[in-house]
Each structure stands twice: as structure tokens, then as C-alpha cells.
Full PDB file with SEQRES, HELIX, SHEET, SSBOND, CRYST1, ORIGX, SCALE, CONECT and MASTER records, all heavy atoms in Angstrom:
SEQRES   1 A   39  LYS ILE GLY GLU PRO ILE THR HIS ASP ILE THR VAL ARG          
SEQRES   2 A   39  ILE ASN ARG VAL ASN TYR PRO ALA ALA TYR ARG ILE GLY          
SEQRES   3 A   39  SER LYS ASP GLY LYS GLN ARG SER GLY LEU LEU SER LEU          
SHEET    1 AA1 3 ILE A   6  ILE A  14  0                                        
SHEET    2 AA1 3 VAL A  17  ILE A  25 -1                                        
SHEET    3 AA1 3 LEU A  36  SER A  38 -1                                        
CRYST1    1.000    1.000    1.000  90.00  90.00  90.00 P 1           1          
ORIGX1      1.000000  0.000000  0.000000        0.00000                         
ORIGX2      0.000000  1.000000  0.000000        0.00000                         
ORIGX3      0.000000  0.000000  1.000000        0.00000                         
SCALE1      1.000000  0.000000  0.000000        0.00000                         
SCALE2      0.000000  1.000000  0.000000        0.00000                         
SCALE3      0.000000  0.000000  1.000000        0.00000                         
ATOM      1  N   LYS A   1       4.882 183.987  22.368  1.00  0.00           N  
ATOM      2  CA  LYS A   1       4.854 183.611  20.946  1.00  0.00           C  
ATOM      3  C   LYS A   1       3.531 184.132  20.398  1.00  0.00           C  
ATOM      4  O   LYS A   1       2.484 183.634  20.783  1.00  0.00           O  
ATOM      5  CB  LYS A   1       4.951 182.110  20.771  1.00  0.00           C  
ATOM      6  CG  LYS A   1       6.297 181.534  21.092  1.00  0.00           C  
ATOM      7  CD  LYS A   1       6.386 180.067  20.784  1.00  0.00           C  
ATOM      8  CE  LYS A   1       7.726 179.517  21.193  1.00  0.00           C  
ATOM      9  NZ  LYS A   1       7.811 178.069  21.029  1.00  0.00           N  
ATOM     10  N   ILE A   2       3.621 185.143  19.543  1.00  0.00           N  
ATOM     11  CA  ILE A   2       2.426 185.796  19.012  1.00  0.00           C  
ATOM     12  C   ILE A   2       1.502 184.758  18.379  1.00  0.00           C  
ATOM     13  O   ILE A   2       1.924 183.935  17.560  1.00  0.00           O  
ATOM     14  CB  ILE A   2       2.803 186.901  17.996  1.00  0.00           C  
ATOM     15  CG1 ILE A   2       3.754 187.917  18.632  1.00  0.00           C  
ATOM     16  CG2 ILE A   2       1.531 187.588  17.445  1.00  0.00           C  
ATOM     17  CD1 ILE A   2       3.208 188.678  19.812  1.00  0.00           C  
ATOM     18  N   GLY A   3       0.240 184.809  18.758  1.00  0.00           N  
ATOM     19  CA  GLY A   3      -0.785 183.894  18.202  1.00  0.00           C  
ATOM     20  C   GLY A   3      -0.848 182.552  18.892  1.00  0.00           C  
ATOM     21  O   GLY A   3      -1.645 181.707  18.534  1.00  0.00           O  
ATOM     22  N   GLU A   4       0.007 182.309  19.907  1.00  0.00           N  
ATOM     23  CA  GLU A   4       0.016 181.029  20.617  1.00  0.00           C  
ATOM     24  C   GLU A   4      -0.040 181.280  22.108  1.00  0.00           C  
ATOM     25  O   GLU A   4       0.949 181.291  22.787  1.00  0.00           O  
ATOM     26  CB  GLU A   4       1.309 180.250  20.299  1.00  0.00           C  
ATOM     27  CG  GLU A   4       1.417 179.845  18.846  1.00  0.00           C  
ATOM     28  CD  GLU A   4       2.735 179.073  18.591  1.00  0.00           C  
ATOM     29  OE1 GLU A   4       3.155 178.338  19.489  1.00  0.00           O  
ATOM     30  OE2 GLU A   4       3.253 179.200  17.500  1.00  0.00           O  
ATOM     31  N   PRO A   5      -1.263 181.442  22.683  1.00  0.00           N  
ATOM     32  CA  PRO A   5      -1.347 181.629  24.114  1.00  0.00           C  
ATOM     33  C   PRO A   5      -0.899 180.388  24.862  1.00  0.00           C  
ATOM     34  O   PRO A   5      -1.161 179.267  24.447  1.00  0.00           O  
ATOM     35  CB  PRO A   5      -2.815 181.892  24.341  1.00  0.00           C  
ATOM     36  CG  PRO A   5      -3.530 181.560  23.095  1.00  0.00           C  
ATOM     37  CD  PRO A   5      -2.534 181.463  22.002  1.00  0.00           C  
ATOM     38  N   ILE A   6      -0.169 180.590  25.934  1.00  0.00           N  
ATOM     39  CA  ILE A   6       0.322 179.470  26.715  1.00  0.00           C  
ATOM     40  C   ILE A   6       0.359 179.862  28.209  1.00  0.00           C  
ATOM     41  O   ILE A   6       0.577 181.035  28.543  1.00  0.00           O  
ATOM     42  CB  ILE A   6       1.727 179.023  26.280  1.00  0.00           C  
ATOM     43  CG1 ILE A   6       2.151 177.743  27.008  1.00  0.00           C  
ATOM     44  CG2 ILE A   6       2.751 180.134  26.415  1.00  0.00           C  
ATOM     45  CD1 ILE A   6       3.362 177.053  26.408  1.00  0.00           C  
ATOM     46  N   THR A   7       0.053 178.906  29.045  1.00  0.00           N  
ATOM     47  CA  THR A   7       0.115 179.114  30.477  1.00  0.00           C  
ATOM     48  C   THR A   7       1.315 178.351  31.017  1.00  0.00           C  
ATOM     49  O   THR A   7       1.432 177.147  30.811  1.00  0.00           O  
ATOM     50  CB  THR A   7      -1.179 178.665  31.172  1.00  0.00           C  
ATOM     51  OG1 THR A   7      -2.267 179.406  30.633  1.00  0.00           O  
ATOM     52  CG2 THR A   7      -1.116 178.872  32.686  1.00  0.00           C  
ATOM     53  N   HIS A   8       2.163 179.031  31.743  1.00  0.00           N  
ATOM     54  CA  HIS A   8       3.346 178.424  32.338  1.00  0.00           C  
ATOM     55  C   HIS A   8       3.116 178.234  33.846  1.00  0.00           C  
ATOM     56  O   HIS A   8       2.652 179.164  34.517  1.00  0.00           O  
ATOM     57  CB  HIS A   8       4.568 179.345  32.203  1.00  0.00           C  
ATOM     58  CG  HIS A   8       4.934 179.660  30.776  1.00  0.00           C  
ATOM     59  ND1 HIS A   8       5.780 178.835  30.051  1.00  0.00           N  
ATOM     60  CD2 HIS A   8       4.569 180.636  29.934  1.00  0.00           C  
ATOM     61  CE1 HIS A   8       5.922 179.318  28.830  1.00  0.00           C  
ATOM     62  NE2 HIS A   8       5.192 180.402  28.742  1.00  0.00           N  
ATOM     63  N   ASP A   9       3.375 177.054  34.333  1.00  0.00           N  
ATOM     64  CA  ASP A   9       3.341 176.826  35.778  1.00  0.00           C  
ATOM     65  C   ASP A   9       4.629 177.351  36.349  1.00  0.00           C  
ATOM     66  O   ASP A   9       5.727 176.989  35.873  1.00  0.00           O  
ATOM     67  CB  ASP A   9       3.229 175.329  36.085  1.00  0.00           C  
ATOM     68  CG  ASP A   9       1.916 174.752  35.647  1.00  0.00           C  
ATOM     69  OD1 ASP A   9       0.886 175.470  35.739  1.00  0.00           O  
ATOM     70  OD2 ASP A   9       1.876 173.572  35.211  1.00  0.00           O  
ATOM     71  N   ILE A  10       4.538 178.245  37.317  1.00  0.00           N  
ATOM     72  CA  ILE A  10       5.721 178.816  37.937  1.00  0.00           C  
ATOM     73  C   ILE A  10       5.631 178.698  39.442  1.00  0.00           C  
ATOM     74  O   ILE A  10       4.568 178.377  39.981  1.00  0.00           O  
ATOM     75  CB  ILE A  10       5.903 180.317  37.504  1.00  0.00           C  
ATOM     76  CG1 ILE A  10       4.744 181.156  38.007  1.00  0.00           C  
ATOM     77  CG2 ILE A  10       6.066 180.464  35.997  1.00  0.00           C  
ATOM     78  CD1 ILE A  10       4.964 182.652  37.858  1.00  0.00           C  
ATOM     79  N   THR A  11       6.734 178.980  40.089  1.00  0.00           N  
ATOM     80  CA  THR A  11       6.755 178.997  41.540  1.00  0.00           C  
ATOM     81  C   THR A  11       7.014 180.429  42.004  1.00  0.00           C  
ATOM     82  O   THR A  11       7.918 181.092  41.508  1.00  0.00           O  
ATOM     83  CB  THR A  11       7.888 178.056  42.078  1.00  0.00           C  
ATOM     84  OG1 THR A  11       7.631 176.746  41.624  1.00  0.00           O  
ATOM     85  CG2 THR A  11       7.958 178.088  43.590  1.00  0.00           C  
ATOM     86  N   VAL A  12       6.197 180.878  42.947  1.00  0.00           N  
ATOM     87  CA  VAL A  12       6.401 182.171  43.573  1.00  0.00           C  
ATOM     88  C   VAL A  12       6.769 181.966  45.037  1.00  0.00           C  
ATOM     89  O   VAL A  12       6.362 180.990  45.647  1.00  0.00           O  
ATOM     90  CB  VAL A  12       5.180 183.096  43.424  1.00  0.00           C  
ATOM     91  CG1 VAL A  12       4.843 183.347  41.973  1.00  0.00           C  
ATOM     92  CG2 VAL A  12       3.959 182.533  44.145  1.00  0.00           C  
ATOM     93  N   ARG A  13       7.608 182.846  45.548  1.00  0.00           N  
ATOM     94  CA  ARG A  13       8.017 182.770  46.944  1.00  0.00           C  
ATOM     95  C   ARG A  13       7.572 184.083  47.603  1.00  0.00           C  
ATOM     96  O   ARG A  13       7.923 185.180  47.190  1.00  0.00           O  
ATOM     97  CB  ARG A  13       9.537 182.622  47.037  1.00  0.00           C  
ATOM     98  CG  ARG A  13      10.020 182.473  48.492  1.00  0.00           C  
ATOM     99  CD  ARG A  13      11.522 182.194  48.535  1.00  0.00           C  
ATOM    100  NE  ARG A  13      11.803 180.921  47.920  1.00  0.00           N  
ATOM    101  CZ  ARG A  13      12.963 180.631  47.330  1.00  0.00           C  
ATOM    102  NH1 ARG A  13      13.965 181.462  47.266  1.00  0.00           N  
ATOM    103  NH2 ARG A  13      13.124 179.421  46.782  1.00  0.00           N  
ATOM    104  N   ILE A  14       6.769 183.908  48.652  1.00  0.00           N  
ATOM    105  CA  ILE A  14       6.240 185.032  49.422  1.00  0.00           C  
ATOM    106  C   ILE A  14       6.552 184.751  50.890  1.00  0.00           C  
ATOM    107  O   ILE A  14       6.221 183.680  51.383  1.00  0.00           O  
ATOM    108  CB  ILE A  14       4.739 185.218  49.211  1.00  0.00           C  
ATOM    109  CG1 ILE A  14       4.417 185.388  47.699  1.00  0.00           C  
ATOM    110  CG2 ILE A  14       4.197 186.372  50.062  1.00  0.00           C  
ATOM    111  CD1 ILE A  14       2.952 185.278  47.362  1.00  0.00           C  
ATOM    112  N   ASN A  15       7.212 185.695  51.523  1.00  0.00           N  
ATOM    113  CA  ASN A  15       7.597 185.510  52.949  1.00  0.00           C  
ATOM    114  C   ASN A  15       8.351 184.196  53.184  1.00  0.00           C  
ATOM    115  O   ASN A  15       8.061 183.463  54.123  1.00  0.00           O  
ATOM    116  CB  ASN A  15       6.368 185.600  53.865  1.00  0.00           C  
ATOM    117  CG  ASN A  15       5.674 186.919  53.738  1.00  0.00           C  
ATOM    118  OD1 ASN A  15       6.261 187.928  53.487  1.00  0.00           O  
ATOM    119  ND2 ASN A  15       4.357 186.919  53.895  1.00  0.00           N  
ATOM    120  N   ARG A  16       9.243 183.866  52.259  1.00  0.00           N  
ATOM    121  CA  ARG A  16      10.144 182.689  52.362  1.00  0.00           C  
ATOM    122  C   ARG A  16       9.398 181.367  52.159  1.00  0.00           C  
ATOM    123  O   ARG A  16       9.930 180.303  52.491  1.00  0.00           O  
ATOM    124  CB  ARG A  16      10.917 182.679  53.645  1.00  0.00           C  
ATOM    125  CG  ARG A  16      11.830 183.862  53.792  1.00  0.00           C  
ATOM    126  CD  ARG A  16      12.745 183.730  54.982  1.00  0.00           C  
ATOM    127  NE  ARG A  16      13.639 184.860  55.032  1.00  0.00           N  
ATOM    128  CZ  ARG A  16      13.982 185.473  56.131  1.00  0.00           C  
ATOM    129  NH1 ARG A  16      13.531 185.056  57.293  1.00  0.00           N  
ATOM    130  NH2 ARG A  16      14.798 186.491  56.086  1.00  0.00           N  
ATOM    131  N   VAL A  17       8.167 181.377  51.699  1.00  0.00           N  
ATOM    132  CA  VAL A  17       7.398 180.167  51.420  1.00  0.00           C  
ATOM    133  C   VAL A  17       7.104 180.081  49.953  1.00  0.00           C  
ATOM    134  O   VAL A  17       6.716 181.083  49.327  1.00  0.00           O  
ATOM    135  CB  VAL A  17       6.063 180.160  52.250  1.00  0.00           C  
ATOM    136  CG1 VAL A  17       5.257 178.909  51.969  1.00  0.00           C  
ATOM    137  CG2 VAL A  17       6.344 180.305  53.732  1.00  0.00           C  
ATOM    138  N   ASN A  18       7.326 178.913  49.377  1.00  0.00           N  
ATOM    139  CA  ASN A  18       7.083 178.697  47.931  1.00  0.00           C  
ATOM    140  C   ASN A  18       5.627 178.280  47.700  1.00  0.00           C  
ATOM    141  O   ASN A  18       5.077 177.469  48.428  1.00  0.00           O  
ATOM    142  CB  ASN A  18       7.988 177.622  47.365  1.00  0.00           C  
ATOM    143  CG  ASN A  18       9.410 178.114  47.278  1.00  0.00           C  
ATOM    144  OD1 ASN A  18       9.739 179.271  47.495  1.00  0.00           O  
ATOM    145  ND2 ASN A  18      10.320 177.191  46.898  1.00  0.00           N  
ATOM    146  N   TYR A  19       5.015 178.815  46.608  1.00  0.00           N  
ATOM    147  CA  TYR A  19       3.647 178.509  46.228  1.00  0.00           C  
ATOM    148  C   TYR A  19       3.595 178.279  44.726  1.00  0.00           C  
ATOM    149  O   TYR A  19       4.328 178.939  43.972  1.00  0.00           O  
ATOM    150  CB  TYR A  19       2.708 179.673  46.567  1.00  0.00           C  
ATOM    151  CG  TYR A  19       2.667 180.074  48.014  1.00  0.00           C  
ATOM    152  CD1 TYR A  19       3.498 181.087  48.475  1.00  0.00           C  
ATOM    153  CD2 TYR A  19       1.779 179.457  48.904  1.00  0.00           C  
ATOM    154  CE1 TYR A  19       3.436 181.493  49.806  1.00  0.00           C  
ATOM    155  CE2 TYR A  19       1.695 179.879  50.219  1.00  0.00           C  
ATOM    156  CZ  TYR A  19       2.543 180.893  50.660  1.00  0.00           C  
ATOM    157  OH  TYR A  19       2.474 181.295  51.947  1.00  0.00           O  
ATOM    158  N   PRO A  20       2.687 177.415  44.244  1.00  0.00           N  
ATOM    159  CA  PRO A  20       2.483 177.293  42.825  1.00  0.00           C  
ATOM    160  C   PRO A  20       1.676 178.479  42.293  1.00  0.00           C  
ATOM    161  O   PRO A  20       0.799 178.988  43.003  1.00  0.00           O  
ATOM    162  CB  PRO A  20       1.716 175.963  42.679  1.00  0.00           C  
ATOM    163  CG  PRO A  20       0.971 175.837  43.956  1.00  0.00           C  
ATOM    164  CD  PRO A  20       1.846 176.466  45.022  1.00  0.00           C  
ATOM    165  N   ALA A  21       1.958 178.908  41.095  1.00  0.00           N  
ATOM    166  CA  ALA A  21       1.192 179.985  40.440  1.00  0.00           C  
ATOM    167  C   ALA A  21       1.220 179.715  38.949  1.00  0.00           C  
ATOM    168  O   ALA A  21       1.835 178.740  38.495  1.00  0.00           O  
ATOM    169  CB  ALA A  21       1.809 181.333  40.780  1.00  0.00           C  
ATOM    170  N   ALA A  22       0.560 180.575  38.181  1.00  0.00           N  
ATOM    171  CA  ALA A  22       0.488 180.421  36.728  1.00  0.00           C  
ATOM    172  C   ALA A  22       0.750 181.760  36.082  1.00  0.00           C  
ATOM    173  O   ALA A  22       0.323 182.802  36.559  1.00  0.00           O  
ATOM    174  CB  ALA A  22      -0.851 179.861  36.298  1.00  0.00           C  
ATOM    175  N   TYR A  23       1.468 181.734  34.949  1.00  0.00           N  
ATOM    176  CA  TYR A  23       1.701 182.916  34.136  1.00  0.00           C  
ATOM    177  C   TYR A  23       1.224 182.635  32.730  1.00  0.00           C  
ATOM    178  O   TYR A  23       1.682 181.683  32.088  1.00  0.00           O  
ATOM    179  CB  TYR A  23       3.220 183.268  34.122  1.00  0.00           C  
ATOM    180  CG  TYR A  23       3.530 184.441  33.207  1.00  0.00           C  
ATOM    181  CD1 TYR A  23       3.136 185.709  33.571  1.00  0.00           C  
ATOM    182  CD2 TYR A  23       4.186 184.257  32.024  1.00  0.00           C  
ATOM    183  CE1 TYR A  23       3.433 186.801  32.761  1.00  0.00           C  
ATOM    184  CE2 TYR A  23       4.488 185.324  31.194  1.00  0.00           C  
ATOM    185  CZ  TYR A  23       4.083 186.609  31.582  1.00  0.00           C  
ATOM    186  OH  TYR A  23       4.360 187.665  30.758  1.00  0.00           O  
ATOM    187  N   ARG A  24       0.243 183.441  32.261  1.00  0.00           N  
ATOM    188  CA  ARG A  24      -0.326 183.256  30.935  1.00  0.00           C  
ATOM    189  C   ARG A  24       0.132 184.400  30.039  1.00  0.00           C  
ATOM    190  O   ARG A  24       0.028 185.564  30.409  1.00  0.00           O  
ATOM    191  CB  ARG A  24      -1.843 183.225  31.009  1.00  0.00           C  
ATOM    192  CG  ARG A  24      -2.476 182.995  29.644  1.00  0.00           C  
ATOM    193  CD  ARG A  24      -3.973 182.632  29.801  1.00  0.00           C  
ATOM    194  NE  ARG A  24      -4.606 182.462  28.523  1.00  0.00           N  
ATOM    195  CZ  ARG A  24      -4.556 181.377  27.763  1.00  0.00           C  
ATOM    196  NH1 ARG A  24      -3.830 180.352  28.162  1.00  0.00           N  
ATOM    197  NH2 ARG A  24      -5.189 181.305  26.621  1.00  0.00           N  
ATOM    198  N   ILE A  25       0.594 184.028  28.851  1.00  0.00           N  
ATOM    199  CA  ILE A  25       1.080 185.023  27.912  1.00  0.00           C  
ATOM    200  C   ILE A  25       0.622 184.613  26.486  1.00  0.00           C  
ATOM    201  O   ILE A  25       0.514 183.408  26.174  1.00  0.00           O  
ATOM    202  CB  ILE A  25       2.628 185.170  27.984  1.00  0.00           C  
ATOM    203  CG1 ILE A  25       3.118 186.360  27.132  1.00  0.00           C  
ATOM    204  CG2 ILE A  25       3.327 183.902  27.604  1.00  0.00           C  
ATOM    205  CD1 ILE A  25       2.681 187.704  27.645  1.00  0.00           C  
ATOM    206  N   GLY A  26       0.338 185.599  25.648  1.00  0.00           N  
ATOM    207  CA  GLY A  26      -0.037 185.353  24.269  1.00  0.00           C  
ATOM    208  C   GLY A  26      -1.528 185.518  24.044  1.00  0.00           C  
ATOM    209  O   GLY A  26      -2.320 185.504  24.979  1.00  0.00           O  
ATOM    210  N   SER A  27      -1.898 185.702  22.811  1.00  0.00           N  
ATOM    211  CA  SER A  27      -3.331 185.852  22.437  1.00  0.00           C  
ATOM    212  C   SER A  27      -3.563 185.175  21.115  1.00  0.00           C  
ATOM    213  O   SER A  27      -2.664 185.030  20.278  1.00  0.00           O  
ATOM    214  CB  SER A  27      -3.670 187.332  22.338  1.00  0.00           C  
ATOM    215  OG  SER A  27      -2.987 187.925  21.276  1.00  0.00           O  
ATOM    216  N   LYS A  28      -4.784 184.725  20.888  1.00  0.00           N  
ATOM    217  CA  LYS A  28      -5.118 184.051  19.647  1.00  0.00           C  
ATOM    218  C   LYS A  28      -5.272 185.023  18.480  1.00  0.00           C  
ATOM    219  O   LYS A  28      -5.203 184.620  17.338  1.00  0.00           O  
ATOM    220  CB  LYS A  28      -6.443 183.258  19.821  1.00  0.00           C  
ATOM    221  CG  LYS A  28      -6.258 182.074  20.738  1.00  0.00           C  
ATOM    222  CD  LYS A  28      -7.570 181.338  20.858  1.00  0.00           C  
ATOM    223  CE  LYS A  28      -7.369 180.134  21.790  1.00  0.00           C  
ATOM    224  NZ  LYS A  28      -8.620 179.395  22.017  1.00  0.00           N  
ATOM    225  N   ASP A  29      -5.467 186.316  18.778  1.00  0.00           N  
ATOM    226  CA  ASP A  29      -5.666 187.286  17.686  1.00  0.00           C  
ATOM    227  C   ASP A  29      -4.370 187.813  17.106  1.00  0.00           C  
ATOM    228  O   ASP A  29      -4.371 188.655  16.229  1.00  0.00           O  
ATOM    229  CB  ASP A  29      -6.549 188.431  18.157  1.00  0.00           C  
ATOM    230  CG  ASP A  29      -5.947 189.269  19.275  1.00  0.00           C  
ATOM    231  OD1 ASP A  29      -4.763 189.062  19.622  1.00  0.00           O  
ATOM    232  OD2 ASP A  29      -6.668 190.116  19.805  1.00  0.00           O  
ATOM    233  N   GLY A  30      -3.237 187.338  17.583  1.00  0.00           N  
ATOM    234  CA  GLY A  30      -1.954 187.744  17.015  1.00  0.00           C  
ATOM    235  C   GLY A  30      -1.443 189.054  17.527  1.00  0.00           C  
ATOM    236  O   GLY A  30      -0.414 189.563  17.103  1.00  0.00           O  
ATOM    237  N   LYS A  31      -2.126 189.651  18.519  1.00  0.00           N  
ATOM    238  CA  LYS A  31      -1.682 190.935  19.079  1.00  0.00           C  
ATOM    239  C   LYS A  31      -0.927 190.665  20.363  1.00  0.00           C  
ATOM    240  O   LYS A  31      -1.246 189.736  21.092  1.00  0.00           O  
ATOM    241  CB  LYS A  31      -2.879 191.831  19.363  1.00  0.00           C  
ATOM    242  CG  LYS A  31      -3.601 192.236  18.089  1.00  0.00           C  
ATOM    243  CD  LYS A  31      -4.767 193.152  18.438  1.00  0.00           C  
ATOM    244  CE  LYS A  31      -5.518 193.561  17.175  1.00  0.00           C  
ATOM    245  NZ  LYS A  31      -6.689 194.414  17.468  1.00  0.00           N  
ATOM    246  N   GLN A  32       0.037 191.512  20.652  1.00  0.00           N  
ATOM    247  CA  GLN A  32       0.735 191.380  21.914  1.00  0.00           C  
ATOM    248  C   GLN A  32      -0.185 191.834  23.041  1.00  0.00           C  
ATOM    249  O   GLN A  32      -0.896 192.827  22.906  1.00  0.00           O  
ATOM    250  CB  GLN A  32       2.017 192.223  21.923  1.00  0.00           C  
ATOM    251  CG  GLN A  32       3.132 191.643  21.089  1.00  0.00           C  
ATOM    252  CD  GLN A  32       4.412 192.370  21.278  1.00  0.00           C  
ATOM    253  OE1 GLN A  32       4.431 193.572  21.426  1.00  0.00           O  
ATOM    254  NE2 GLN A  32       5.502 191.636  21.277  1.00  0.00           N  
ATOM    255  N   ARG A  33      -0.180 191.128  24.127  1.00  0.00           N  
ATOM    256  CA  ARG A  33      -0.990 191.446  25.283  1.00  0.00           C  
ATOM    257  C   ARG A  33      -0.105 191.431  26.530  1.00  0.00           C  
ATOM    258  O   ARG A  33       0.991 190.878  26.532  1.00  0.00           O  
ATOM    259  CB  ARG A  33      -2.090 190.399  25.489  1.00  0.00           C  
ATOM    260  CG  ARG A  33      -2.991 190.226  24.306  1.00  0.00           C  
ATOM    261  CD  ARG A  33      -4.108 191.269  24.344  1.00  0.00           C  
ATOM    262  NE  ARG A  33      -5.061 190.999  23.287  1.00  0.00           N  
ATOM    263  CZ  ARG A  33      -5.531 191.924  22.487  1.00  0.00           C  
ATOM    264  NH1 ARG A  33      -5.145 193.168  22.609  1.00  0.00           N  
ATOM    265  NH2 ARG A  33      -6.424 191.604  21.558  1.00  0.00           N  
ATOM    266  N   SER A  34      -0.609 192.006  27.572  1.00  0.00           N  
ATOM    267  CA  SER A  34       0.078 191.901  28.892  1.00  0.00           C  
ATOM    268  C   SER A  34       0.029 190.437  29.314  1.00  0.00           C  
ATOM    269  O   SER A  34      -0.913 189.711  28.996  1.00  0.00           O  
ATOM    270  CB  SER A  34      -0.629 192.745  29.946  1.00  0.00           C  
ATOM    271  OG  SER A  34      -0.584 194.097  29.657  1.00  0.00           O  
ATOM    272  N   GLY A  35       1.061 190.021  30.013  1.00  0.00           N  
ATOM    273  CA  GLY A  35       1.020 188.709  30.646  1.00  0.00           C  
ATOM    274  C   GLY A  35       0.148 188.768  31.861  1.00  0.00           C  
ATOM    275  O   GLY A  35      -0.081 189.852  32.426  1.00  0.00           O  
ATOM    276  N   LEU A  36      -0.367 187.632  32.278  1.00  0.00           N  
ATOM    277  CA  LEU A  36      -1.223 187.590  33.472  1.00  0.00           C  
ATOM    278  C   LEU A  36      -0.652 186.619  34.490  1.00  0.00           C  
ATOM    279  O   LEU A  36      -0.515 185.427  34.225  1.00  0.00           O  
ATOM    280  CB  LEU A  36      -2.642 187.148  33.127  1.00  0.00           C  
ATOM    281  CG  LEU A  36      -3.438 188.133  32.274  1.00  0.00           C  
ATOM    282  CD1 LEU A  36      -4.755 187.492  31.844  1.00  0.00           C  
ATOM    283  CD2 LEU A  36      -3.668 189.425  33.015  1.00  0.00           C  
ATOM    284  N   LEU A  37      -0.275 187.088  35.627  1.00  0.00           N  
ATOM    285  CA  LEU A  37       0.253 186.300  36.707  1.00  0.00           C  
ATOM    286  C   LEU A  37      -0.932 186.003  37.659  1.00  0.00           C  
ATOM    287  O   LEU A  37      -1.496 186.921  38.248  1.00  0.00           O  
ATOM    288  CB  LEU A  37       1.356 187.073  37.473  1.00  0.00           C  
ATOM    289  CG  LEU A  37       1.957 186.374  38.699  1.00  0.00           C  
ATOM    290  CD1 LEU A  37       2.563 185.036  38.336  1.00  0.00           C  
ATOM    291  CD2 LEU A  37       3.007 187.278  39.336  1.00  0.00           C  
ATOM    292  N   SER A  38      -1.330 184.733  37.682  1.00  0.00           N  
ATOM    293  CA  SER A  38      -2.476 184.325  38.521  1.00  0.00           C  
ATOM    294  C   SER A  38      -1.961 183.729  39.830  1.00  0.00           C  
ATOM    295  O   SER A  38      -1.253 182.749  39.836  1.00  0.00           O  
ATOM    296  CB  SER A  38      -3.279 183.256  37.759  1.00  0.00           C  
ATOM    297  OG  SER A  38      -3.776 183.766  36.573  1.00  0.00           O  
ATOM    298  N   LEU A  39      -2.385 184.361  40.925  1.00  0.00           N  
ATOM    299  CA  LEU A  39      -1.919 183.917  42.216  1.00  0.00           C  
ATOM    300  C   LEU A  39      -2.937 183.153  43.022  1.00  0.00           C  
ATOM    301  O   LEU A  39      -2.615 182.443  43.940  1.00  0.00           O  
ATOM    302  CB  LEU A  39      -1.472 185.126  43.061  1.00  0.00           C  
ATOM    303  CG  LEU A  39      -0.295 185.908  42.500  1.00  0.00           C  
ATOM    304  CD1 LEU A  39      -0.003 187.112  43.372  1.00  0.00           C  
ATOM    305  CD2 LEU A  39       0.941 185.037  42.371  1.00  0.00           C  
TER     306      LEU A  39                                                      
MASTER        0    0    0    0    3    0    0    6  305    1    0    3          
END                                                                             
């Protein structure tokens, strides 16, 4: 959502094991940015 940065808690699975992770999308300046997957 342009202009509304938000971090989503997500689950990633690596080698059949689930881990918590975060995905951040959006910017305060109203420009589209790459999402950031934090592991």
C-alpha cells in the first residue's frame, strides 16, 4: 500500500523446518520500493 510501510510476520521453511521471518513492504515517501525479506 503506497505510503503505508508495513511488516508482515511470515513463516519460511528451509530444509523441511519452519522458521519465523518478516517481510517489509512500502515506503513513507509514496514511492514503490523493493520488499525486504528479513531472515
